[in-house]
PDB file of all heavy atoms in Angstrom:
ATOM      1  N   LYS A   1      -5.881  12.347   4.060  1.00  0.00           N
ATOM      2  CA  LYS A   1      -7.058  11.395   3.947  1.00  0.00           C
ATOM      3  C   LYS A   1      -6.757  10.277   2.902  1.00  0.00           C
ATOM      4  O   LYS A   1      -7.405   9.295   2.883  1.00  0.00           O
ATOM      5  CB  LYS A   1      -8.303  12.155   3.609  1.00  0.00           C
ATOM      6  CG  LYS A   1      -8.893  12.916   4.756  1.00  0.00           C
ATOM      7  CD  LYS A   1     -10.128  13.730   4.281  1.00  0.00           C
ATOM      8  CE  LYS A   1     -10.732  14.455   5.417  1.00  0.00           C
ATOM      9  NZ  LYS A   1     -11.930  15.292   4.999  1.00  0.00           N
ATOM     10  N   LYS A   2      -5.818  10.583   2.001  1.00  0.00           N
ATOM     11  CA  LYS A   2      -5.505   9.557   0.938  1.00  0.00           C
ATOM     12  C   LYS A   2      -4.125   8.985   1.164  1.00  0.00           C
ATOM     13  O   LYS A   2      -3.655   8.220   0.315  1.00  0.00           O
ATOM     14  CB  LYS A   2      -5.496  10.314  -0.382  1.00  0.00           C
ATOM     15  CG  LYS A   2      -6.798  10.827  -0.895  1.00  0.00           C
ATOM     16  CD  LYS A   2      -6.704  11.311  -2.332  1.00  0.00           C
ATOM     17  CE  LYS A   2      -8.066  11.633  -2.900  1.00  0.00           C
ATOM     18  NZ  LYS A   2      -8.028  12.080  -4.303  1.00  0.00           N
ATOM     19  N   THR A   3      -3.506   9.259   2.306  1.00  0.00           N
ATOM     20  CA  THR A   3      -2.120   8.842   2.505  1.00  0.00           C
ATOM     21  C   THR A   3      -2.003   7.632   3.426  1.00  0.00           C
ATOM     22  O   THR A   3      -2.744   7.464   4.425  1.00  0.00           O
ATOM     23  CB  THR A   3      -1.332  10.061   3.099  1.00  0.00           C
ATOM     24  OG1 THR A   3      -1.314  11.160   2.230  1.00  0.00           O
ATOM     25  CG2 THR A   3       0.105   9.685   3.462  1.00  0.00           C
ATOM     26  N   VAL A   4      -1.032   6.774   3.089  1.00  0.00           N
ATOM     27  CA  VAL A   4      -0.562   5.671   4.023  1.00  0.00           C
ATOM     28  C   VAL A   4       0.913   5.900   4.300  1.00  0.00           C
ATOM     29  O   VAL A   4       1.680   6.284   3.427  1.00  0.00           O
ATOM     30  CB  VAL A   4      -0.874   4.301   3.503  1.00  0.00           C
ATOM     31  CG1 VAL A   4      -2.297   3.928   3.566  1.00  0.00           C
ATOM     32  CG2 VAL A   4      -0.285   4.057   2.113  1.00  0.00           C
ATOM     33  N   ARG A   5       1.274   5.633   5.534  1.00  0.00           N
ATOM     34  CA  ARG A   5       2.736   5.724   5.881  1.00  0.00           C
ATOM     35  C   ARG A   5       3.183   4.294   6.035  1.00  0.00           C
ATOM     36  O   ARG A   5       2.575   3.446   6.707  1.00  0.00           O
ATOM     37  CB  ARG A   5       2.873   6.446   7.198  1.00  0.00           C
ATOM     38  CG  ARG A   5       2.759   7.934   7.022  1.00  0.00           C
ATOM     39  CD  ARG A   5       2.936   8.681   8.363  1.00  0.00           C
ATOM     40  NE  ARG A   5       3.043  10.075   8.246  1.00  0.00           N
ATOM     41  CZ  ARG A   5       3.037  10.936   9.231  1.00  0.00           C
ATOM     42  NH1 ARG A   5       2.936  10.547  10.451  1.00  0.00           N
ATOM     43  NH2 ARG A   5       3.099  12.239   9.016  1.00  0.00           N
ATOM     44  N   ILE A   6       4.328   3.999   5.412  1.00  0.00           N
ATOM     45  CA  ILE A   6       4.909   2.620   5.476  1.00  0.00           C
ATOM     46  C   ILE A   6       6.344   2.752   5.847  1.00  0.00           C
ATOM     47  O   ILE A   6       6.955   3.815   5.624  1.00  0.00           O
ATOM     48  CB  ILE A   6       4.743   1.867   4.193  1.00  0.00           C
ATOM     49  CG1 ILE A   6       5.295   2.652   2.992  1.00  0.00           C
ATOM     50  CG2 ILE A   6       3.252   1.511   3.915  1.00  0.00           C
ATOM     51  CD1 ILE A   6       5.185   1.911   1.704  1.00  0.00           C
ATOM     52  N   GLN A   7       6.917   1.723   6.440  1.00  0.00           N
ATOM     53  CA  GLN A   7       8.316   1.768   6.757  1.00  0.00           C
ATOM     54  C   GLN A   7       8.947   0.384   6.711  1.00  0.00           C
ATOM     55  O   GLN A   7       8.289  -0.597   6.938  1.00  0.00           O
ATOM     56  CB  GLN A   7       8.528   2.462   8.137  1.00  0.00           C
ATOM     57  CG  GLN A   7       8.003   1.652   9.284  1.00  0.00           C
ATOM     58  CD  GLN A   7       8.337   2.388  10.657  1.00  0.00           C
ATOM     59  OE1 GLN A   7       9.315   3.081  10.786  1.00  0.00           O
ATOM     60  NE2 GLN A   7       7.453   2.172  11.605  1.00  0.00           N
ATOM     61  N   LEU A   8      10.239   0.404   6.396  1.00  0.00           N
ATOM     62  CA  LEU A   8      10.985  -0.806   6.469  1.00  0.00           C
ATOM     63  C   LEU A   8      12.043  -0.569   7.555  1.00  0.00           C
ATOM     64  O   LEU A   8      12.855   0.357   7.484  1.00  0.00           O
ATOM     65  CB  LEU A   8      11.741  -1.074   5.135  1.00  0.00           C
ATOM     66  CG  LEU A   8      12.690  -2.272   5.044  1.00  0.00           C
ATOM     67  CD1 LEU A   8      11.884  -3.562   5.207  1.00  0.00           C
ATOM     68  CD2 LEU A   8      13.432  -2.321   3.668  1.00  0.00           C
ATOM     69  N   LYS A   9      11.999  -1.441   8.582  1.00  0.00           N
ATOM     70  CA  LYS A   9      12.771  -1.160   9.778  1.00  0.00           C
ATOM     71  C   LYS A   9      13.699  -2.361  10.061  1.00  0.00           C
ATOM     72  O   LYS A   9      14.774  -2.455   9.529  1.00  0.00           O
ATOM     73  CB  LYS A   9      11.870  -0.875  10.977  1.00  0.00           C
ATOM     74  CG  LYS A   9      12.500   0.002  12.063  1.00  0.00           C
ATOM     75  CD  LYS A   9      11.431   0.351  13.056  1.00  0.00           C
ATOM     76  CE  LYS A   9      12.032   1.116  14.234  1.00  0.00           C
ATOM     77  NZ  LYS A   9      11.075   1.418  15.294  1.00  0.00           N
ATOM     78  N   ASN A  10      13.269  -3.273  10.913  1.00  0.00           N
ATOM     79  CA  ASN A  10      14.145  -4.394  11.380  1.00  0.00           C
ATOM     80  C   ASN A  10      13.883  -5.740  10.666  1.00  0.00           C
ATOM     81  O   ASN A  10      14.756  -6.615  10.658  1.00  0.00           O
ATOM     82  CB  ASN A  10      14.050  -4.600  12.874  1.00  0.00           C
ATOM     83  CG  ASN A  10      14.384  -3.331  13.675  1.00  0.00           C
ATOM     84  OD1 ASN A  10      15.346  -2.633  13.294  1.00  0.00           O
ATOM     85  ND2 ASN A  10      13.603  -2.963  14.647  1.00  0.00           N
ATOM     86  N   ASN A  11      12.715  -5.845  10.048  1.00  0.00           N
ATOM     87  CA  ASN A  11      12.379  -7.078   9.361  1.00  0.00           C
ATOM     88  C   ASN A  11      12.168  -6.806   7.892  1.00  0.00           C
ATOM     89  O   ASN A  11      11.622  -5.758   7.565  1.00  0.00           O
ATOM     90  CB  ASN A  11      11.042  -7.675   9.975  1.00  0.00           C
ATOM     91  CG  ASN A  11      11.247  -8.070  11.415  1.00  0.00           C
ATOM     92  OD1 ASN A  11      12.204  -8.711  11.799  1.00  0.00           O
ATOM     93  ND2 ASN A  11      10.330  -7.610  12.241  1.00  0.00           N
ATOM     94  N   PRO A  12      12.526  -7.778   7.055  1.00  0.00           N
ATOM     95  CA  PRO A  12      12.353  -7.516   5.562  1.00  0.00           C
ATOM     96  C   PRO A  12      10.973  -7.695   5.020  1.00  0.00           C
ATOM     97  O   PRO A  12      10.698  -8.419   4.061  1.00  0.00           O
ATOM     98  CB  PRO A  12      13.290  -8.617   4.988  1.00  0.00           C
ATOM     99  CG  PRO A  12      13.232  -9.701   5.984  1.00  0.00           C
ATOM    100  CD  PRO A  12      13.073  -9.082   7.329  1.00  0.00           C
ATOM    101  N   VAL A  13       9.985  -6.992   5.679  1.00  0.00           N
ATOM    102  CA  VAL A  13       8.628  -6.949   5.264  1.00  0.00           C
ATOM    103  C   VAL A  13       8.067  -5.588   5.481  1.00  0.00           C
ATOM    104  O   VAL A  13       8.306  -4.932   6.480  1.00  0.00           O
ATOM    105  CB  VAL A  13       7.816  -8.040   6.006  1.00  0.00           C
ATOM    106  CG1 VAL A  13       7.889  -7.887   7.516  1.00  0.00           C
ATOM    107  CG2 VAL A  13       6.321  -8.075   5.562  1.00  0.00           C
ATOM    108  N   VAL A  14       7.300  -5.090   4.509  1.00  0.00           N
ATOM    109  CA  VAL A  14       6.698  -3.826   4.612  1.00  0.00           C
ATOM    110  C   VAL A  14       5.143  -3.998   4.652  1.00  0.00           C
ATOM    111  O   VAL A  14       4.585  -4.657   3.760  1.00  0.00           O
ATOM    112  CB  VAL A  14       7.038  -2.953   3.373  1.00  0.00           C
ATOM    113  CG1 VAL A  14       6.393  -1.553   3.495  1.00  0.00           C
ATOM    114  CG2 VAL A  14       8.521  -2.805   3.186  1.00  0.00           C
ATOM    115  N   HIS A  15       4.525  -3.470   5.641  1.00  0.00           N
ATOM    116  CA  HIS A  15       3.087  -3.585   5.812  1.00  0.00           C
ATOM    117  C   HIS A  15       2.364  -2.274   5.411  1.00  0.00           C
ATOM    118  O   HIS A  15       2.893  -1.190   5.817  1.00  0.00           O
ATOM    119  CB  HIS A  15       2.709  -3.869   7.227  1.00  0.00           C
ATOM    120  CG  HIS A  15       3.087  -5.233   7.739  1.00  0.00           C
ATOM    121  ND1 HIS A  15       2.455  -6.375   7.382  1.00  0.00           N
ATOM    122  CD2 HIS A  15       4.190  -5.656   8.453  1.00  0.00           C
ATOM    123  CE1 HIS A  15       3.017  -7.457   7.922  1.00  0.00           C
ATOM    124  NE2 HIS A  15       4.098  -7.013   8.586  1.00  0.00           N
ATOM    125  N   ALA A  16       1.338  -2.379   4.628  1.00  0.00           N
ATOM    126  CA  ALA A  16       0.509  -1.247   4.301  1.00  0.00           C
ATOM    127  C   ALA A  16      -0.861  -1.544   4.921  1.00  0.00           C
ATOM    128  O   ALA A  16      -1.676  -2.193   4.283  1.00  0.00           O
ATOM    129  CB  ALA A  16       0.425  -1.031   2.795  1.00  0.00           C
ATOM    130  N   PRO A  17      -1.072  -1.113   6.140  1.00  0.00           N
ATOM    131  CA  PRO A  17      -2.279  -1.475   6.861  1.00  0.00           C
ATOM    132  C   PRO A  17      -3.512  -1.128   6.087  1.00  0.00           C
ATOM    133  O   PRO A  17      -4.383  -1.967   5.829  1.00  0.00           O
ATOM    134  CB  PRO A  17      -2.234  -0.737   8.167  1.00  0.00           C
ATOM    135  CG  PRO A  17      -0.775  -0.475   8.388  1.00  0.00           C
ATOM    136  CD  PRO A  17      -0.194  -0.239   6.998  1.00  0.00           C
ATOM    137  N   PRO A  18      -3.746   0.160   5.639  1.00  0.00           N
ATOM    138  CA  PRO A  18      -4.908   0.282   4.778  1.00  0.00           C
ATOM    139  C   PRO A  18      -4.521   0.618   3.361  1.00  0.00           C
ATOM    140  O   PRO A  18      -3.871   1.595   3.067  1.00  0.00           O
ATOM    141  CB  PRO A  18      -5.624   1.515   5.362  1.00  0.00           C
ATOM    142  CG  PRO A  18      -4.542   2.308   6.005  1.00  0.00           C
ATOM    143  CD  PRO A  18      -3.312   1.443   6.112  1.00  0.00           C
ATOM    144  N   ILE A  19      -4.959  -0.255   2.368  1.00  0.00           N
ATOM    145  CA  ILE A  19      -4.871   0.234   0.998  1.00  0.00           C
ATOM    146  C   ILE A  19      -6.320   0.513   0.495  1.00  0.00           C
ATOM    147  O   ILE A  19      -6.545   0.716  -0.666  1.00  0.00           O
ATOM    148  CB  ILE A  19      -4.169  -0.809   0.038  1.00  0.00           C
ATOM    149  CG1 ILE A  19      -4.855  -2.202   0.096  1.00  0.00           C
ATOM    150  CG2 ILE A  19      -2.715  -0.915   0.363  1.00  0.00           C
ATOM    151  CD1 ILE A  19      -4.462  -3.088  -1.024  1.00  0.00           C
ATOM    152  N   GLY A  20      -7.228   0.409   1.479  1.00  0.00           N
ATOM    153  CA  GLY A  20      -8.684   0.683   1.174  1.00  0.00           C
ATOM    154  C   GLY A  20      -9.514  -0.101   2.128  1.00  0.00           C
ATOM    155  O   GLY A  20      -9.063  -0.673   3.120  1.00  0.00           O
ATOM    156  N   THR A  21     -10.798  -0.221   1.742  1.00  0.00           N
ATOM    157  CA  THR A  21     -11.741  -1.005   2.475  1.00  0.00           C
ATOM    158  C   THR A  21     -12.486  -2.009   1.590  1.00  0.00           C
ATOM    159  O   THR A  21     -12.497  -1.837   0.359  1.00  0.00           O
ATOM    160  CB  THR A  21     -12.764  -0.094   3.248  1.00  0.00           C
ATOM    161  OG1 THR A  21     -13.341   0.763   2.199  1.00  0.00           O
ATOM    162  CG2 THR A  21     -12.220   0.664   4.374  1.00  0.00           C
ATOM    163  N   GLU A  22     -13.026  -3.034   2.225  1.00  0.00           N
ATOM    164  CA  GLU A  22     -13.611  -4.137   1.391  1.00  0.00           C
ATOM    165  C   GLU A  22     -14.769  -3.765   0.559  1.00  0.00           C
ATOM    166  O   GLU A  22     -15.086  -4.509  -0.396  1.00  0.00           O
ATOM    167  CB  GLU A  22     -13.961  -5.324   2.342  1.00  0.00           C
ATOM    168  CG  GLU A  22     -15.074  -5.041   3.329  1.00  0.00           C
ATOM    169  CD  GLU A  22     -15.423  -6.123   4.278  1.00  0.00           C
ATOM    170  OE1 GLU A  22     -15.123  -7.237   3.865  1.00  0.00           O
ATOM    171  OE2 GLU A  22     -16.003  -5.856   5.322  1.00  0.00           O
ATOM    172  N   ASP A  23     -15.421  -2.623   0.842  1.00  0.00           N
ATOM    173  CA  ASP A  23     -16.541  -2.190   0.064  1.00  0.00           C
ATOM    174  C   ASP A  23     -16.105  -1.371  -1.208  1.00  0.00           C
ATOM    175  O   ASP A  23     -16.958  -0.908  -1.909  1.00  0.00           O
ATOM    176  CB  ASP A  23     -17.548  -1.392   0.901  1.00  0.00           C
ATOM    177  CG  ASP A  23     -16.929  -0.182   1.598  1.00  0.00           C
ATOM    178  OD1 ASP A  23     -15.652  -0.054   1.558  1.00  0.00           O
ATOM    179  OD2 ASP A  23     -17.675   0.557   2.239  1.00  0.00           O
ATOM    180  N   MET A  24     -14.775  -1.183  -1.391  1.00  0.00           N
ATOM    181  CA  MET A  24     -14.305  -0.487  -2.561  1.00  0.00           C
ATOM    182  C   MET A  24     -14.193  -1.338  -3.720  1.00  0.00           C
ATOM    183  O   MET A  24     -14.128  -2.553  -3.623  1.00  0.00           O
ATOM    184  CB  MET A  24     -12.897   0.127  -2.202  1.00  0.00           C
ATOM    185  CG  MET A  24     -12.926   1.338  -1.296  1.00  0.00           C
ATOM    186  SD  MET A  24     -11.272   1.925  -0.847  1.00  0.00           S
ATOM    187  CE  MET A  24     -10.636   2.430  -2.426  1.00  0.00           C
ATOM    188  N   ASP A  25     -14.312  -0.779  -4.940  1.00  0.00           N
ATOM    189  CA  ASP A  25     -14.166  -1.481  -6.178  1.00  0.00           C
ATOM    190  C   ASP A  25     -12.796  -2.217  -6.242  1.00  0.00           C
ATOM    191  O   ASP A  25     -11.776  -1.700  -5.843  1.00  0.00           O
ATOM    192  CB  ASP A  25     -14.276  -0.440  -7.329  1.00  0.00           C
ATOM    193  CG  ASP A  25     -14.118  -1.063  -8.682  1.00  0.00           C
ATOM    194  OD1 ASP A  25     -15.024  -1.723  -9.162  1.00  0.00           O
ATOM    195  OD2 ASP A  25     -13.022  -0.854  -9.315  1.00  0.00           O
ATOM    196  N   ASP A  26     -12.825  -3.458  -6.795  1.00  0.00           N
ATOM    197  CA  ASP A  26     -11.644  -4.287  -6.944  1.00  0.00           C
ATOM    198  C   ASP A  26     -10.534  -3.624  -7.693  1.00  0.00           C
ATOM    199  O   ASP A  26      -9.331  -3.585  -7.292  1.00  0.00           O
ATOM    200  CB  ASP A  26     -11.971  -5.587  -7.619  1.00  0.00           C
ATOM    201  CG  ASP A  26     -12.934  -6.478  -6.759  1.00  0.00           C
ATOM    202  OD1 ASP A  26     -12.992  -6.242  -5.560  1.00  0.00           O
ATOM    203  OD2 ASP A  26     -13.552  -7.344  -7.359  1.00  0.00           O
ATOM    204  N   GLU A  27     -10.890  -2.957  -8.756  1.00  0.00           N
ATOM    205  CA  GLU A  27      -9.874  -2.302  -9.679  1.00  0.00           C
ATOM    206  C   GLU A  27      -9.213  -1.132  -8.893  1.00  0.00           C
ATOM    207  O   GLU A  27      -7.984  -0.914  -8.968  1.00  0.00           O
ATOM    208  CB  GLU A  27     -10.564  -1.737 -10.925  1.00  0.00           C
ATOM    209  CG  GLU A  27     -11.003  -2.822 -11.859  1.00  0.00           C
ATOM    210  CD  GLU A  27      -9.954  -3.306 -12.837  1.00  0.00           C
ATOM    211  OE1 GLU A  27      -8.805  -2.697 -12.840  1.00  0.00           O
ATOM    212  OE2 GLU A  27     -10.149  -4.228 -13.568  1.00  0.00           O
ATOM    213  N   LYS A  28     -10.005  -0.399  -8.139  1.00  0.00           N
ATOM    214  CA  LYS A  28      -9.458   0.757  -7.427  1.00  0.00           C
ATOM    215  C   LYS A  28      -8.579   0.293  -6.310  1.00  0.00           C
ATOM    216  O   LYS A  28      -7.498   0.902  -6.026  1.00  0.00           O
ATOM    217  CB  LYS A  28     -10.617   1.601  -6.839  1.00  0.00           C
ATOM    218  CG  LYS A  28     -11.361   2.370  -7.896  1.00  0.00           C
ATOM    219  CD  LYS A  28     -12.477   3.234  -7.335  1.00  0.00           C
ATOM    220  CE  LYS A  28     -13.168   4.031  -8.459  1.00  0.00           C
ATOM    221  NZ  LYS A  28     -14.331   4.813  -7.980  1.00  0.00           N
ATOM    222  N   LEU A  29      -8.965  -0.808  -5.593  1.00  0.00           N
ATOM    223  CA  LEU A  29      -8.015  -1.375  -4.566  1.00  0.00           C
ATOM    224  C   LEU A  29      -6.719  -1.816  -5.183  1.00  0.00           C
ATOM    225  O   LEU A  29      -5.629  -1.665  -4.623  1.00  0.00           O
ATOM    226  CB  LEU A  29      -8.715  -2.490  -3.878  1.00  0.00           C
ATOM    227  CG  LEU A  29      -9.810  -2.135  -2.874  1.00  0.00           C
ATOM    228  CD1 LEU A  29     -10.646  -3.335  -2.455  1.00  0.00           C
ATOM    229  CD2 LEU A  29      -9.166  -1.538  -1.603  1.00  0.00           C
ATOM    230  N   ALA A  30      -6.821  -2.489  -6.425  1.00  0.00           N
ATOM    231  CA  ALA A  30      -5.611  -2.932  -7.120  1.00  0.00           C
ATOM    232  C   ALA A  30      -4.693  -1.751  -7.439  1.00  0.00           C
ATOM    233  O   ALA A  30      -3.502  -1.875  -7.333  1.00  0.00           O
ATOM    234  CB  ALA A  30      -5.997  -3.743  -8.322  1.00  0.00           C
ATOM    235  N   GLU A  31      -5.270  -0.643  -7.909  1.00  0.00           N
ATOM    236  CA  GLU A  31      -4.497   0.529  -8.230  1.00  0.00           C
ATOM    237  C   GLU A  31      -3.798   1.121  -7.017  1.00  0.00           C
ATOM    238  O   GLU A  31      -2.702   1.615  -7.059  1.00  0.00           O
ATOM    239  CB  GLU A  31      -5.379   1.553  -8.944  1.00  0.00           C
ATOM    240  CG  GLU A  31      -5.770   1.252 -10.371  1.00  0.00           C
ATOM    241  CD  GLU A  31      -6.620   2.413 -11.027  1.00  0.00           C
ATOM    242  OE1 GLU A  31      -6.297   3.515 -10.798  1.00  0.00           O
ATOM    243  OE2 GLU A  31      -7.528   1.996 -11.736  1.00  0.00           O
ATOM    244  N   ASN A  32      -4.507   1.099  -5.880  1.00  0.00           N
ATOM    245  CA  ASN A  32      -3.925   1.552  -4.585  1.00  0.00           C
ATOM    246  C   ASN A  32      -2.739   0.660  -4.237  1.00  0.00           C
ATOM    247  O   ASN A  32      -1.682   1.134  -3.828  1.00  0.00           O
ATOM    248  CB  ASN A  32      -4.945   1.540  -3.525  1.00  0.00           C
ATOM    249  CG  ASN A  32      -5.911   2.767  -3.547  1.00  0.00           C
ATOM    250  OD1 ASN A  32      -5.707   3.614  -4.362  1.00  0.00           O
ATOM    251  ND2 ASN A  32      -6.882   2.758  -2.695  1.00  0.00           N
ATOM    252  N   ALA A  33      -2.967  -0.686  -4.350  1.00  0.00           N
ATOM    253  CA  ALA A  33      -1.940  -1.668  -4.068  1.00  0.00           C
ATOM    254  C   ALA A  33      -0.726  -1.383  -4.980  1.00  0.00           C
ATOM    255  O   ALA A  33       0.452  -1.428  -4.533  1.00  0.00           O
ATOM    256  CB  ALA A  33      -2.412  -3.027  -4.243  1.00  0.00           C
ATOM    257  N   GLU A  34      -0.961  -1.119  -6.238  1.00  0.00           N
ATOM    258  CA  GLU A  34       0.107  -0.866  -7.215  1.00  0.00           C
ATOM    259  C   GLU A  34       0.894   0.390  -6.837  1.00  0.00           C
ATOM    260  O   GLU A  34       2.134   0.359  -6.951  1.00  0.00           O
ATOM    261  CB  GLU A  34      -0.515  -0.722  -8.599  1.00  0.00           C
ATOM    262  CG  GLU A  34       0.457  -0.714  -9.721  1.00  0.00           C
ATOM    263  CD  GLU A  34      -0.195  -0.726 -11.073  1.00  0.00           C
ATOM    264  OE1 GLU A  34      -1.138   0.092 -11.269  1.00  0.00           O
ATOM    265  OE2 GLU A  34       0.213  -1.482 -11.966  1.00  0.00           O
ATOM    266  N   ALA A  35       0.245   1.426  -6.363  1.00  0.00           N
ATOM    267  CA  ALA A  35       0.922   2.662  -5.985  1.00  0.00           C
ATOM    268  C   ALA A  35       1.881   2.401  -4.853  1.00  0.00           C
ATOM    269  O   ALA A  35       3.049   2.878  -4.843  1.00  0.00           O
ATOM    270  CB  ALA A  35      -0.120   3.734  -5.594  1.00  0.00           C
ATOM    271  N   VAL A  36       1.402   1.605  -3.854  1.00  0.00           N
ATOM    272  CA  VAL A  36       2.282   1.251  -2.675  1.00  0.00           C
ATOM    273  C   VAL A  36       3.478   0.402  -3.190  1.00  0.00           C
ATOM    274  O   VAL A  36       4.639   0.629  -2.791  1.00  0.00           O
ATOM    275  CB  VAL A  36       1.499   0.550  -1.606  1.00  0.00           C
ATOM    276  CG1 VAL A  36       2.427   0.003  -0.492  1.00  0.00           C
ATOM    277  CG2 VAL A  36       0.392   1.437  -0.989  1.00  0.00           C
ATOM    278  N   LEU A  37       3.157  -0.572  -3.978  1.00  0.00           N
ATOM    279  CA  LEU A  37       4.198  -1.483  -4.453  1.00  0.00           C
ATOM    280  C   LEU A  37       5.275  -0.750  -5.242  1.00  0.00           C
ATOM    281  O   LEU A  37       6.504  -0.972  -5.094  1.00  0.00           O
ATOM    282  CB  LEU A  37       3.545  -2.567  -5.339  1.00  0.00           C
ATOM    283  CG  LEU A  37       4.316  -3.843  -5.683  1.00  0.00           C
ATOM    284  CD1 LEU A  37       4.914  -4.499  -4.424  1.00  0.00           C
ATOM    285  CD2 LEU A  37       3.408  -4.848  -6.426  1.00  0.00           C
ATOM    286  N   ASN A  38       4.830   0.110  -6.178  1.00  0.00           N
ATOM    287  CA  ASN A  38       5.806   0.915  -6.919  1.00  0.00           C
ATOM    288  C   ASN A  38       6.709   1.857  -6.073  1.00  0.00           C
ATOM    289  O   ASN A  38       7.876   1.998  -6.306  1.00  0.00           O
ATOM    290  CB  ASN A  38       5.017   1.796  -7.987  1.00  0.00           C
ATOM    291  CG  ASN A  38       4.454   0.929  -9.138  1.00  0.00           C
ATOM    292  OD1 ASN A  38       4.951  -0.152  -9.359  1.00  0.00           O
ATOM    293  ND2 ASN A  38       3.520   1.480  -9.866  1.00  0.00           N
ATOM    294  N   ALA A  39       6.068   2.396  -5.047  1.00  0.00           N
ATOM    295  CA  ALA A  39       6.762   3.262  -4.130  1.00  0.00           C
ATOM    296  C   ALA A  39       7.904   2.466  -3.417  1.00  0.00           C
ATOM    297  O   ALA A  39       9.035   2.921  -3.192  1.00  0.00           O
ATOM    298  CB  ALA A  39       5.902   3.883  -3.141  1.00  0.00           C
ATOM    299  N   ILE A  40       7.596   1.241  -3.017  1.00  0.00           N
ATOM    300  CA  ILE A  40       8.585   0.386  -2.379  1.00  0.00           C
ATOM    301  C   ILE A  40       9.685  -0.037  -3.270  1.00  0.00           C
ATOM    302  O   ILE A  40      10.868   0.075  -3.008  1.00  0.00           O
ATOM    303  CB  ILE A  40       7.888  -0.862  -1.758  1.00  0.00           C
ATOM    304  CG1 ILE A  40       6.923  -0.451  -0.603  1.00  0.00           C
ATOM    305  CG2 ILE A  40       8.925  -1.905  -1.250  1.00  0.00           C
ATOM    306  CD1 ILE A  40       6.003  -1.597  -0.161  1.00  0.00           C
ATOM    307  N   ILE A  41       9.230  -0.509  -4.526  1.00  0.00           N
ATOM    308  CA  ILE A  41      10.217  -0.925  -5.533  1.00  0.00           C
ATOM    309  C   ILE A  41      11.224   0.202  -5.883  1.00  0.00           C
ATOM    310  O   ILE A  41      12.419  -0.068  -6.027  1.00  0.00           O
ATOM    311  CB  ILE A  41       9.479  -1.412  -6.736  1.00  0.00           C
ATOM    312  CG1 ILE A  41       8.880  -2.814  -6.507  1.00  0.00           C
ATOM    313  CG2 ILE A  41      10.415  -1.536  -8.012  1.00  0.00           C
ATOM    314  CD1 ILE A  41       7.874  -3.300  -7.528  1.00  0.00           C
ATOM    315  N   ASN A  42      10.671   1.380  -5.923  1.00  0.00           N
ATOM    316  CA  ASN A  42      11.568   2.555  -6.286  1.00  0.00           C
ATOM    317  C   ASN A  42      12.656   2.852  -5.210  1.00  0.00           C
ATOM    318  O   ASN A  42      13.647   3.525  -5.486  1.00  0.00           O
ATOM    319  CB  ASN A  42      10.742   3.816  -6.505  1.00  0.00           C
ATOM    320  CG  ASN A  42       9.966   3.776  -7.826  1.00  0.00           C
ATOM    321  OD1 ASN A  42      10.313   3.082  -8.733  1.00  0.00           O
ATOM    322  ND2 ASN A  42       8.912   4.576  -7.929  1.00  0.00           N
ATOM    323  N   LYS A  43      12.417   2.336  -4.014  1.00  0.00           N
ATOM    324  CA  LYS A  43      13.352   2.529  -2.879  1.00  0.00           C
ATOM    325  C   LYS A  43      14.382   1.440  -2.827  1.00  0.00           C
ATOM    326  O   LYS A  43      15.412   1.510  -2.095  1.00  0.00           O
ATOM    327  CB  LYS A  43      12.649   2.651  -1.530  1.00  0.00           C
ATOM    328  CG  LYS A  43      11.763   3.844  -1.352  1.00  0.00           C
ATOM    329  CD  LYS A  43      12.582   5.149  -1.352  1.00  0.00           C
ATOM    330  CE  LYS A  43      13.401   5.288  -0.018  1.00  0.00           C
ATOM    331  NZ  LYS A  43      14.038   6.597   0.041  1.00  0.00           N
TER     332      LYS A  43
END
């Protein structure tokens, strides 16, 4: 329920379709975005 799956395949762009919904707090959405970004950077 808290997981997103992302992949880097044939194009140099990684999409994270849901990092949340528009009714969520801005700070919480930013923290979610940061978690995805850090996971990508670590790879």
